[in-house]
Amino acid sequence: MMKCEFCNSETSRRKVRKQHWFRGKLYIVENVDAEVCDQCGERYFHAKTLDAIDKLIAGDHTVKEVLSVEVLSADEG
């Protein structure tokens, strides 16, 4: 458990879905360990967790699902 650096509330360890960029591609990884603020929802990831995600993506891995994502610019309109 730690304190949130934004609202100073306590965090709890949870499994979350993380969007993760690796070598210019976006991946969504499920069941990632994170500390999540109980008040504002800010998420914190340990460096070794992020390294493990990089190794998972770089190696042979099973793809659960492929999604199509729209990319927009807030400057339009």
PDB file of N, CA and C in Angstrom:
ATOM      1  N   MET A   1       0.850  -1.174   0.000  1.00  0.00           N
ATOM      2  CA  MET A   1       0.000   0.000   0.000  1.00  0.00           C
ATOM      3  C   MET A   1       0.897   1.238   0.000  1.00  0.00           C
ATOM      4  N   MET A   2       0.421   2.265  -0.692  1.00  0.00           N
ATOM      5  CA  MET A   2       1.167   3.516  -0.742  1.00  0.00           C
ATOM      6  C   MET A   2       0.181   4.674  -0.753  1.00  0.00           C
ATOM      7  N   LYS A   3       0.705   5.877  -0.734  1.00  0.00           N
ATOM      8  CA  LYS A   3      -0.123   7.087  -0.798  1.00  0.00           C
ATOM      9  C   LYS A   3      -0.140   7.609  -2.222  1.00  0.00           C
ATOM     10  N   CYS A   4      -1.300   8.031  -2.704  1.00  0.00           N
ATOM     11  CA  CYS A   4      -1.437   8.618  -4.033  1.00  0.00           C
ATOM     12  C   CYS A   4      -0.733   9.970  -4.057  1.00  0.00           C
ATOM     13  N   GLU A   5       0.060  10.201  -5.083  1.00  0.00           N
ATOM     14  CA  GLU A   5       0.773  11.478  -5.164  1.00  0.00           C
ATOM     15  C   GLU A   5      -0.123  12.621  -5.626  1.00  0.00           C
ATOM     16  N   PHE A   6      -1.344  12.320  -6.071  1.00  0.00           N
ATOM     17  CA  PHE A   6      -2.265  13.373  -6.512  1.00  0.00           C
ATOM     18  C   PHE A   6      -3.233  13.806  -5.411  1.00  0.00           C
ATOM     19  N   CYS A   7      -3.828  12.842  -4.702  1.00  0.00           N
ATOM     20  CA  CYS A   7      -4.834  13.210  -3.695  1.00  0.00           C
ATOM     21  C   CYS A   7      -4.474  12.752  -2.277  1.00  0.00           C
ATOM     22  N   ASN A   8      -3.325  12.058  -2.136  1.00  0.00           N
ATOM     23  CA  ASN A   8      -2.803  11.619  -0.839  1.00  0.00           C
ATOM     24  C   ASN A   8      -3.653  10.542  -0.157  1.00  0.00           C
ATOM     25  N   SER A   9      -4.548   9.895  -0.910  1.00  0.00           N
ATOM     26  CA  SER A   9      -5.330   8.792  -0.352  1.00  0.00           C
ATOM     27  C   SER A   9      -4.540   7.494  -0.444  1.00  0.00           C
ATOM     28  N   GLU A  10      -5.027   6.464   0.220  1.00  0.00           N
ATOM     29  CA  GLU A  10      -4.389   5.149   0.204  1.00  0.00           C
ATOM     30  C   GLU A  10      -4.656   4.442  -1.122  1.00  0.00           C
ATOM     31  N   THR A  11      -3.729   3.571  -1.499  1.00  0.00           N
ATOM     32  CA  THR A  11      -3.926   2.745  -2.685  1.00  0.00           C
ATOM     33  C   THR A  11      -4.149   1.294  -2.248  1.00  0.00           C
ATOM     34  N   SER A  12      -4.711   0.517  -3.164  1.00  0.00           N
ATOM     35  CA  SER A  12      -4.907  -0.909  -2.947  1.00  0.00           C
ATOM     36  C   SER A  12      -4.339  -1.660  -4.142  1.00  0.00           C
ATOM     37  N   ARG A  13      -3.797  -2.846  -3.886  1.00  0.00           N
ATOM     38  CA  ARG A  13      -3.267  -3.674  -4.978  1.00  0.00           C
ATOM     39  C   ARG A  13      -4.452  -4.302  -5.716  1.00  0.00           C
ATOM     40  N   ARG A  14      -4.435  -4.165  -7.050  1.00  0.00           N
ATOM     41  CA  ARG A  14      -5.508  -4.719  -7.880  1.00  0.00           C
ATOM     42  C   ARG A  14      -4.928  -5.246  -9.179  1.00  0.00           C
ATOM     43  N   LYS A  15      -5.709  -6.065  -9.851  1.00  0.00           N
ATOM     44  CA  LYS A  15      -5.398  -6.509 -11.206  1.00  0.00           C
ATOM     45  C   LYS A  15      -6.168  -5.591 -12.154  1.00  0.00           C
ATOM     46  N   VAL A  16      -5.467  -5.015 -13.138  1.00  0.00           N
ATOM     47  CA  VAL A  16      -6.097  -4.070 -14.048  1.00  0.00           C
ATOM     48  C   VAL A  16      -5.774  -4.425 -15.501  1.00  0.00           C
ATOM     49  N   ARG A  17      -6.469  -3.784 -16.409  1.00  0.00           N
ATOM     50  CA  ARG A  17      -6.178  -3.852 -17.838  1.00  0.00           C
ATOM     51  C   ARG A  17      -5.333  -2.626 -18.165  1.00  0.00           C
ATOM     52  N   LYS A  18      -4.157  -2.856 -18.779  1.00  0.00           N
ATOM     53  CA  LYS A  18      -3.227  -1.764 -19.045  1.00  0.00           C
ATOM     54  C   LYS A  18      -3.000  -1.597 -20.543  1.00  0.00           C
ATOM     55  N   GLN A  19      -3.098  -0.356 -21.008  1.00  0.00           N
ATOM     56  CA  GLN A  19      -2.707  -0.012 -22.370  1.00  0.00           C
ATOM     57  C   GLN A  19      -1.204   0.205 -22.338  1.00  0.00           C
ATOM     58  N   HIS A  20      -0.482  -0.441 -23.253  1.00  0.00           N
ATOM     59  CA  HIS A  20       0.980  -0.434 -23.176  1.00  0.00           C
ATOM     60  C   HIS A  20       1.561  -0.285 -24.579  1.00  0.00           C
ATOM     61  N   TRP A  21       2.333   0.758 -24.796  1.00  0.00           N
ATOM     62  CA  TRP A  21       3.022   0.963 -26.064  1.00  0.00           C
ATOM     63  C   TRP A  21       4.355   0.235 -26.028  1.00  0.00           C
ATOM     64  N   PHE A  22       4.651  -0.508 -27.113  1.00  0.00           N
ATOM     65  CA  PHE A  22       5.916  -1.227 -27.226  1.00  0.00           C
ATOM     66  C   PHE A  22       6.340  -1.220 -28.682  1.00  0.00           C
ATOM     67  N   ARG A  23       7.512  -0.651 -28.934  1.00  0.00           N
ATOM     68  CA  ARG A  23       8.063  -0.564 -30.289  1.00  0.00           C
ATOM     69  C   ARG A  23       7.056  -0.014 -31.298  1.00  0.00           C
ATOM     70  N   GLY A  24       6.377   1.060 -30.895  1.00  0.00           N
ATOM     71  CA  GLY A  24       5.461   1.764 -31.785  1.00  0.00           C
ATOM     72  C   GLY A  24       4.099   1.128 -31.974  1.00  0.00           C
ATOM     73  N   LYS A  25       3.821   0.062 -31.239  1.00  0.00           N
ATOM     74  CA  LYS A  25       2.515  -0.595 -31.335  1.00  0.00           C
ATOM     75  C   LYS A  25       1.825  -0.549 -29.974  1.00  0.00           C
ATOM     76  N   LEU A  26       0.503  -0.430 -30.005  1.00  0.00           N
ATOM     77  CA  LEU A  26      -0.291  -0.400 -28.782  1.00  0.00           C
ATOM     78  C   LEU A  26      -0.814  -1.795 -28.467  1.00  0.00           C
ATOM     79  N   TYR A  27      -0.623  -2.221 -27.234  1.00  0.00           N
ATOM     80  CA  TYR A  27      -1.120  -3.504 -26.744  1.00  0.00           C
ATOM     81  C   TYR A  27      -2.017  -3.249 -25.544  1.00  0.00           C
ATOM     82  N   ILE A  28      -2.967  -4.127 -25.317  1.00  0.00           N
ATOM     83  CA  ILE A  28      -3.767  -4.112 -24.098  1.00  0.00           C
ATOM     84  C   ILE A  28      -3.456  -5.410 -23.370  1.00  0.00           C
ATOM     85  N   VAL A  29      -2.982  -5.281 -22.138  1.00  0.00           N
ATOM     86  CA  VAL A  29      -2.585  -6.440 -21.348  1.00  0.00           C
ATOM     87  C   VAL A  29      -3.514  -6.530 -20.143  1.00  0.00           C
ATOM     88  N   GLU A  30      -4.130  -7.681 -19.962  1.00  0.00           N
ATOM     89  CA  GLU A  30      -5.056  -7.886 -18.850  1.00  0.00           C
ATOM     90  C   GLU A  30      -4.359  -8.520 -17.657  1.00  0.00           C
ATOM     91  N   ASN A  31      -4.968  -8.370 -16.494  1.00  0.00           N
ATOM     92  CA  ASN A  31      -4.509  -8.986 -15.250  1.00  0.00           C
ATOM     93  C   ASN A  31      -3.121  -8.511 -14.821  1.00  0.00           C
ATOM     94  N   VAL A  32      -2.889  -7.209 -14.952  1.00  0.00           N
ATOM     95  CA  VAL A  32      -1.612  -6.608 -14.574  1.00  0.00           C
ATOM     96  C   VAL A  32      -1.708  -6.101 -13.134  1.00  0.00           C
ATOM     97  N   ASP A  33      -0.707  -6.415 -12.316  1.00  0.00           N
ATOM     98  CA  ASP A  33      -0.663  -5.918 -10.942  1.00  0.00           C
ATOM     99  C   ASP A  33      -0.437  -4.409 -10.935  1.00  0.00           C
ATOM    100  N   ALA A  34      -1.234  -3.700 -10.142  1.00  0.00           N
ATOM    101  CA  ALA A  34      -1.094  -2.248 -10.013  1.00  0.00           C
ATOM    102  C   ALA A  34      -1.509  -1.835  -8.609  1.00  0.00           C
ATOM    103  N   GLU A  35      -1.016  -0.691  -8.196  1.00  0.00           N
ATOM    104  CA  GLU A  35      -1.528  -0.022  -7.003  1.00  0.00           C
ATOM    105  C   GLU A  35      -2.506   1.030  -7.521  1.00  0.00           C
ATOM    106  N   VAL A  36      -3.756   0.985  -7.070  1.00  0.00           N
ATOM    107  CA  VAL A  36      -4.797   1.882  -7.564  1.00  0.00           C
ATOM    108  C   VAL A  36      -5.327   2.710  -6.405  1.00  0.00           C
ATOM    109  N   CYS A  37      -5.380   4.036  -6.605  1.00  0.00           N
ATOM    110  CA  CYS A  37      -5.871   4.927  -5.560  1.00  0.00           C
ATOM    111  C   CYS A  37      -7.345   4.654  -5.291  1.00  0.00           C
ATOM    112  N   ASP A  38      -7.669   4.490  -4.012  1.00  0.00           N
ATOM    113  CA  ASP A  38      -9.046   4.214  -3.608  1.00  0.00           C
ATOM    114  C   ASP A  38      -9.958   5.419  -3.816  1.00  0.00           C
ATOM    115  N   GLN A  39      -9.393   6.613  -3.859  1.00  0.00           N
ATOM    116  CA  GLN A  39     -10.186   7.837  -3.990  1.00  0.00           C
ATOM    117  C   GLN A  39     -10.315   8.295  -5.443  1.00  0.00           C
ATOM    118  N   CYS A  40      -9.187   8.524  -6.134  1.00  0.00           N
ATOM    119  CA  CYS A  40      -9.235   9.137  -7.471  1.00  0.00           C
ATOM    120  C   CYS A  40      -8.994   8.146  -8.612  1.00  0.00           C
ATOM    121  N   GLY A  41      -8.554   6.918  -8.299  1.00  0.00           N
ATOM    122  CA  GLY A  41      -8.372   5.905  -9.327  1.00  0.00           C
ATOM    123  C   GLY A  41      -7.030   5.935 -10.047  1.00  0.00           C
ATOM    124  N   GLU A  42      -6.124   6.838  -9.661  1.00  0.00           N
ATOM    125  CA  GLU A  42      -4.792   6.878 -10.288  1.00  0.00           C
ATOM    126  C   GLU A  42      -4.125   5.515 -10.111  1.00  0.00           C
ATOM    127  N   ARG A  43      -3.422   5.067 -11.175  1.00  0.00           N
ATOM    128  CA  ARG A  43      -2.798   3.749 -11.142  1.00  0.00           C
ATOM    129  C   ARG A  43      -1.282   3.874 -11.152  1.00  0.00           C
ATOM    130  N   TYR A  44      -0.625   3.003 -10.382  1.00  0.00           N
ATOM    131  CA  TYR A  44       0.825   2.988 -10.285  1.00  0.00           C
ATOM    132  C   TYR A  44       1.310   1.573 -10.594  1.00  0.00           C
ATOM    133  N   PHE A  45       2.377   1.491 -11.403  1.00  0.00           N
ATOM    134  CA  PHE A  45       2.944   0.208 -11.794  1.00  0.00           C
ATOM    135  C   PHE A  45       4.400   0.154 -11.369  1.00  0.00           C
ATOM    136  N   HIS A  46       4.817  -0.952 -10.771  1.00  0.00           N
ATOM    137  CA  HIS A  46       6.213  -1.141 -10.392  1.00  0.00           C
ATOM    138  C   HIS A  46       7.044  -1.352 -11.655  1.00  0.00           C
ATOM    139  N   ALA A  47       8.291  -0.898 -11.636  1.00  0.00           N
ATOM    140  CA  ALA A  47       9.176  -1.016 -12.798  1.00  0.00           C
ATOM    141  C   ALA A  47       9.330  -2.468 -13.232  1.00  0.00           C
ATOM    142  N   LYS A  48       9.433  -3.395 -12.280  1.00  0.00           N
ATOM    143  CA  LYS A  48       9.597  -4.800 -12.670  1.00  0.00           C
ATOM    144  C   LYS A  48       8.335  -5.342 -13.344  1.00  0.00           C
ATOM    145  N   THR A  49       7.168  -4.806 -13.010  1.00  0.00           N
ATOM    146  CA  THR A  49       5.926  -5.197 -13.692  1.00  0.00           C
ATOM    147  C   THR A  49       5.961  -4.713 -15.138  1.00  0.00           C
ATOM    148  N   LEU A  50       6.406  -3.472 -15.358  1.00  0.00           N
ATOM    149  CA  LEU A  50       6.499  -2.927 -16.716  1.00  0.00           C
ATOM    150  C   LEU A  50       7.536  -3.686 -17.539  1.00  0.00           C
ATOM    151  N   ASP A  51       8.659  -4.056 -16.924  1.00  0.00           N
ATOM    152  CA  ASP A  51       9.670  -4.860 -17.619  1.00  0.00           C
ATOM    153  C   ASP A  51       9.106  -6.224 -18.005  1.00  0.00           C
ATOM    154  N   ALA A  52       8.327  -6.814 -17.118  1.00  0.00           N
ATOM    155  CA  ALA A  52       7.727  -8.119 -17.407  1.00  0.00           C
ATOM    156  C   ALA A  52       6.741  -8.027 -18.573  1.00  0.00           C
ATOM    157  N   ILE A  53       6.009  -6.916 -18.677  1.00  0.00           N
ATOM    158  CA  ILE A  53       5.091  -6.721 -19.805  1.00  0.00           C
ATOM    159  C   ILE A  53       5.883  -6.624 -21.108  1.00  0.00           C
ATOM    160  N   ASP A  54       6.974  -5.862 -21.096  1.00  0.00           N
ATOM    161  CA  ASP A  54       7.821  -5.760 -22.287  1.00  0.00           C
ATOM    162  C   ASP A  54       8.318  -7.143 -22.722  1.00  0.00           C
ATOM    163  N   LYS A  55       8.767  -7.959 -21.774  1.00  0.00           N
ATOM    164  CA  LYS A  55       9.263  -9.295 -22.090  1.00  0.00           C
ATOM    165  C   LYS A  55       8.150 -10.183 -22.622  1.00  0.00           C
ATOM    166  N   LEU A  56       6.959 -10.068 -22.057  1.00  0.00           N
ATOM    167  CA  LEU A  56       5.811 -10.838 -22.527  1.00  0.00           C
ATOM    168  C   LEU A  56       5.500 -10.508 -23.982  1.00  0.00           C
ATOM    169  N   ILE A  57       5.452  -9.216 -24.285  1.00  0.00           N
ATOM    170  CA  ILE A  57       5.118  -8.782 -25.647  1.00  0.00           C
ATOM    171  C   ILE A  57       6.222  -9.164 -26.633  1.00  0.00           C
ATOM    172  N   ALA A  58       7.479  -9.010 -26.236  1.00  0.00           N
ATOM    173  CA  ALA A  58       8.609  -9.284 -27.130  1.00  0.00           C
ATOM    174  C   ALA A  58       8.745 -10.773 -27.454  1.00  0.00           C
ATOM    175  N   GLY A  59       8.310 -11.625 -26.539  1.00  0.00           N
ATOM    176  CA  GLY A  59       8.430 -13.066 -26.747  1.00  0.00           C
ATOM    177  C   GLY A  59       7.214 -13.627 -27.467  1.00  0.00           C
ATOM    178  N   ASP A  60       7.206 -14.928 -27.595  1.00  0.00           N
ATOM    179  CA  ASP A  60       6.030 -15.597 -28.155  1.00  0.00           C
ATOM    180  C   ASP A  60       4.897 -15.474 -27.145  1.00  0.00           C
ATOM    181  N   HIS A  61       3.769 -14.995 -27.608  1.00  0.00           N
ATOM    182  CA  HIS A  61       2.637 -14.829 -26.698  1.00  0.00           C
ATOM    183  C   HIS A  61       1.332 -15.157 -27.419  1.00  0.00           C
ATOM    184  N   THR A  62       0.353 -15.533 -26.645  1.00  0.00           N
ATOM    185  CA  THR A  62      -0.971 -15.844 -27.172  1.00  0.00           C
ATOM    186  C   THR A  62      -1.785 -14.561 -27.236  1.00  0.00           C
ATOM    187  N   VAL A  63      -2.412 -14.328 -28.379  1.00  0.00           N
ATOM    188  CA  VAL A  63      -3.270 -13.156 -28.549  1.00  0.00           C
ATOM    189  C   VAL A  63      -4.706 -13.567 -28.252  1.00  0.00           C
ATOM    190  N   LYS A  64      -5.297 -12.934 -27.261  1.00  0.00           N
ATOM    191  CA  LYS A  64      -6.667 -13.243 -26.845  1.00  0.00           C
ATOM    192  C   LYS A  64      -7.685 -12.650 -27.812  1.00  0.00           C
ATOM    193  N   GLU A  65      -7.394 -11.424 -28.303  1.00  0.00           N
ATOM    194  CA  GLU A  65      -8.354 -10.711 -29.144  1.00  0.00           C
ATOM    195  C   GLU A  65      -7.608  -9.601 -29.877  1.00  0.00           C
ATOM    196  N   VAL A  66      -8.076  -9.259 -31.076  1.00  0.00           N
ATOM    197  CA  VAL A  66      -7.524  -8.133 -31.820  1.00  0.00           C
ATOM    198  C   VAL A  66      -8.638  -7.103 -31.954  1.00  0.00           C
ATOM    199  N   LEU A  67      -8.337  -5.845 -31.565  1.00  0.00           N
ATOM    200  CA  LEU A  67      -9.320  -4.765 -31.597  1.00  0.00           C
ATOM    201  C   LEU A  67      -8.947  -3.738 -32.642  1.00  0.00           C
ATOM    202  N   SER A  68      -9.935  -3.045 -33.164  1.00  0.00           N
ATOM    203  CA  SER A  68      -9.712  -1.909 -34.060  1.00  0.00           C
ATOM    204  C   SER A  68      -9.942  -0.645 -33.241  1.00  0.00           C
ATOM    205  N   VAL A  69      -9.009   0.311 -33.336  1.00  0.00           N
ATOM    206  CA  VAL A  69      -9.084   1.520 -32.516  1.00  0.00           C
ATOM    207  C   VAL A  69      -9.061   2.747 -33.409  1.00  0.00           C
ATOM    208  N   GLU A  70      -9.973   3.684 -33.193  1.00  0.00           N
ATOM    209  CA  GLU A  70      -9.977   4.952 -33.909  1.00  0.00           C
ATOM    210  C   GLU A  70      -9.046   5.929 -33.222  1.00  0.00           C
ATOM    211  N   VAL A  71      -8.298   6.703 -34.016  1.00  0.00           N
ATOM    212  CA  VAL A  71      -7.401   7.721 -33.480  1.00  0.00           C
ATOM    213  C   VAL A  71      -7.934   9.082 -33.951  1.00  0.00           C
ATOM    214  N   LEU A  72      -8.181   9.980 -33.022  1.00  0.00           N
ATOM    215  CA  LEU A  72      -8.749  11.295 -33.313  1.00  0.00           C
ATOM    216  C   LEU A  72      -7.810  12.378 -32.860  1.00  0.00           C
ATOM    217  N   SER A  73      -7.988  13.576 -33.405  1.00  0.00           N
ATOM    218  CA  SER A  73      -7.220  14.724 -32.969  1.00  0.00           C
ATOM    219  C   SER A  73      -8.171  15.753 -32.373  1.00  0.00           C
ATOM    220  N   ALA A  74      -7.864  16.259 -31.187  1.00  0.00           N
ATOM    221  CA  ALA A  74      -8.689  17.269 -30.550  1.00  0.00           C
ATOM    222  C   ALA A  74      -8.582  18.610 -31.277  1.00  0.00           C
ATOM    223  N   ASP A  75      -7.593  18.773 -32.159  1.00  0.00           N
ATOM    224  CA  ASP A  75      -7.417  20.011 -32.897  1.00  0.00           C
ATOM    225  C   ASP A  75      -8.407  20.168 -34.040  1.00  0.00           C
ATOM    226  N   GLU A  76      -9.107  19.104 -34.405  1.00  0.00           N
ATOM    227  CA  GLU A  76     -10.074  19.169 -35.515  1.00  0.00           C
ATOM    228  C   GLU A  76     -11.337  19.902 -35.071  1.00  0.00           C
ATOM    229  N   GLY A  77     -11.982  20.527 -36.067  1.00  0.00           N
ATOM    230  CA  GLY A  77     -13.299  21.050 -35.815  1.00  0.00           C
ATOM    231  C   GLY A  77     -13.361  22.478 -35.557  1.00  0.00           C
TER     232      GLY A  77
END
